Amino acid sequence: MEHLVSTTSHEQSDYFNEAHATFGDRLAAARQAKGLNKGGLSEKLGVDVRTIQVWQSDADMPRANRIQMLAGLLNVSMVWLVSGKGNGTSEVVDTFERPVGVNDALGEITQLKATLSAAVDKLDKLQERLQEIP
C-alpha cells in the first residue's frame, strides 16, 4: 500500500488522506501534529526510535498497551489510531498544509517548552528543599 504520509520530515509533497491512511500514516500524522519527532516520541514511550520507524512503515503493530499509551500521548482515540474511525486530531490535515520547516520549528518549540517546564518543576522542588533548611 502506498504511504500517503511522509516517513521523513523533508518530504512535504506527501499529504494526509484519512480515507486511505494506514496505522503508520495516522501515527506519523498525529505525532507531527503534536509537534514530536520520532526520537521525542520514542523517548516518551520508552522504546527505541527504530520501533517508531517500524510502526510508521506498517512493518509491525504495537501491542494494545502501547497503542493506549500512544493515543494518550498524541491526544487521539485508540479507535482512530487503529482504524481511522472516531476522534482523531483536528490538527492532522493542517499539519500537511504548512510550509516546509514550520512543523519542525513547532516541534522544537513544543519540546523546548516541555524541557523548560520540567526545569521549572525541578527548580521549585529545589527551592522548597532549601527553604526547609533552618
Protein backbone atom coordinates (compact mmCIF):
# COMPACT_ATOMS: atom_id res chain seq x y z
CA MET A 1 0.00 0.00 0.00
CA GLU A 2 1.28 3.45 -0.86
CA HIS A 3 2.09 5.64 2.13
CA LEU A 4 0.38 8.99 1.94
CA VAL A 5 2.27 10.46 4.87
CA SER A 6 5.97 11.02 4.57
CA THR A 7 8.21 8.96 6.85
CA THR A 8 10.85 11.67 6.65
CA SER A 9 10.32 15.23 7.74
CA HIS A 10 11.78 16.58 4.50
CA GLU A 11 9.23 15.11 2.11
CA GLN A 12 6.47 17.70 2.30
CA SER A 13 4.97 16.79 -1.09
CA ASP A 14 3.03 13.96 0.55
CA TYR A 15 -0.37 14.63 2.06
CA PHE A 16 -2.60 13.11 4.69
CA ASN A 17 -5.76 11.47 3.42
CA GLU A 18 -7.82 9.85 6.18
CA ALA A 19 -9.74 7.70 3.74
CA HIS A 20 -6.59 5.87 2.67
CA ALA A 21 -4.39 6.23 5.74
CA THR A 22 -2.84 3.19 7.42
CA PHE A 23 -2.00 2.83 11.09
CA GLY A 24 1.52 4.06 10.33
CA ASP A 25 0.18 7.06 8.42
CA ARG A 26 -2.12 8.03 11.30
CA LEU A 27 0.67 7.54 13.84
CA ALA A 28 3.04 9.77 11.84
CA ALA A 29 0.36 12.42 11.28
CA ALA A 30 -0.69 12.53 14.95
CA ARG A 31 2.96 12.61 16.06
CA GLN A 32 3.71 15.51 13.75
CA ALA A 33 0.52 17.33 14.73
CA LYS A 34 1.63 17.00 18.35
CA GLY A 35 4.97 18.53 17.36
CA LEU A 36 7.07 15.48 18.17
CA ASN A 37 9.84 13.94 16.12
CA LYS A 38 10.36 10.17 16.15
CA GLY A 39 13.07 10.46 18.77
CA GLY A 40 10.87 12.53 21.05
CA LEU A 41 8.00 10.06 20.81
CA SER A 42 10.28 7.07 21.34
CA GLU A 43 11.73 8.71 24.45
CA LYS A 44 8.27 9.41 25.90
CA LEU A 45 7.20 5.81 25.22
CA GLY A 46 10.44 4.23 26.39
CA VAL A 47 11.06 2.43 23.10
CA ASP A 48 13.85 2.60 20.55
CA VAL A 49 13.42 5.11 17.72
CA ARG A 50 13.64 2.18 15.28
CA THR A 51 10.44 0.81 16.83
CA ILE A 52 8.62 4.02 15.91
CA GLN A 53 10.02 3.75 12.38
CA VAL A 54 8.78 0.14 12.12
CA TRP A 55 5.29 1.13 13.29
CA GLN A 56 5.13 4.12 10.94
CA SER A 57 6.19 1.98 7.99
CA ASP A 58 3.45 -0.54 8.87
CA ALA A 59 6.02 -3.33 9.14
CA ASP A 60 4.61 -4.21 12.58
CA MET A 61 1.94 -3.03 15.02
CA PRO A 62 2.44 -2.14 18.66
CA ARG A 63 0.76 -4.17 21.38
CA ALA A 64 -2.51 -2.92 22.86
CA ASN A 65 -0.84 -1.32 25.90
CA ARG A 66 1.47 0.70 23.63
CA ILE A 67 -1.46 1.75 21.43
CA GLN A 68 -3.20 3.01 24.56
CA MET A 69 -0.07 4.94 25.57
CA LEU A 70 0.32 6.35 22.03
CA ALA A 71 -3.28 7.51 21.95
CA GLY A 72 -2.88 9.26 25.30
CA LEU A 73 0.40 10.93 24.37
CA LEU A 74 -0.88 12.08 20.98
CA ASN A 75 -4.37 13.14 22.17
CA VAL A 76 -6.20 10.87 19.75
CA SER A 77 -8.55 7.95 20.35
CA MET A 78 -7.27 4.39 20.23
CA VAL A 79 -10.00 3.53 17.74
CA TRP A 80 -8.93 6.34 15.40
CA LEU A 81 -5.29 5.34 15.66
CA VAL A 82 -6.04 1.72 14.75
CA SER A 83 -8.96 2.08 12.32
CA GLY A 84 -9.25 5.73 11.34
CA LYS A 85 -12.77 5.89 12.79
CA GLY A 86 -13.74 8.09 15.69
CA ASN A 87 -11.88 11.05 17.13
CA GLY A 88 -8.50 11.76 15.62
CA THR A 89 -6.84 15.10 15.82
CA SER A 90 -8.19 18.20 14.15
CA GLU A 91 -4.64 19.38 13.50
CA VAL A 92 -3.57 16.43 11.33
CA VAL A 93 -4.71 17.84 8.00
CA ASP A 94 -3.43 21.33 8.88
CA THR A 95 0.00 19.85 9.60
CA PHE A 96 0.47 18.89 5.96
CA GLU A 97 -0.72 22.22 4.60
CA ARG A 98 2.04 24.18 6.36
CA PRO A 99 5.21 25.27 4.55
CA VAL A 100 8.31 23.08 4.82
CA GLY A 101 10.13 23.63 8.10
CA VAL A 102 7.19 25.05 10.06
CA ASN A 103 6.27 21.68 11.60
CA ASP A 104 9.89 21.09 12.55
CA ALA A 105 10.08 24.50 14.21
CA LEU A 106 6.77 23.94 16.04
CA GLY A 107 8.02 20.55 17.19
CA GLU A 108 11.20 22.10 18.54
CA ILE A 109 9.17 24.76 20.36
CA THR A 110 6.96 22.08 21.93
CA GLN A 111 9.99 20.10 23.06
CA LEU A 112 11.68 23.22 24.46
CA LYS A 113 8.52 24.11 26.38
CA ALA A 114 8.43 20.61 27.88
CA THR A 115 12.11 20.83 28.81
CA LEU A 116 11.69 24.26 30.36
CA SER A 117 8.59 23.15 32.24
CA ALA A 118 10.48 20.20 33.69
CA ALA A 119 13.36 22.51 34.66
CA VAL A 120 10.95 24.90 36.41
CA ASP A 121 9.47 21.98 38.36
CA LYS A 122 12.95 20.91 39.45
CA LEU A 123 13.82 24.46 40.46
CA ASP A 124 10.61 24.73 42.51
CA LYS A 125 11.41 21.49 44.35
CA LEU A 126 14.97 22.59 45.00
CA GLN A 127 13.75 25.94 46.27
CA GLU A 128 11.33 24.22 48.65
CA ARG A 129 14.08 21.94 49.97
CA LEU A 130 16.40 24.89 50.51
CA GLN A 131 13.69 26.87 52.31
CA GLU A 132 13.17 23.95 54.72
CA ILE A 133 16.79 24.16 55.89
CA PRO A 134 16.93 26.05 59.22
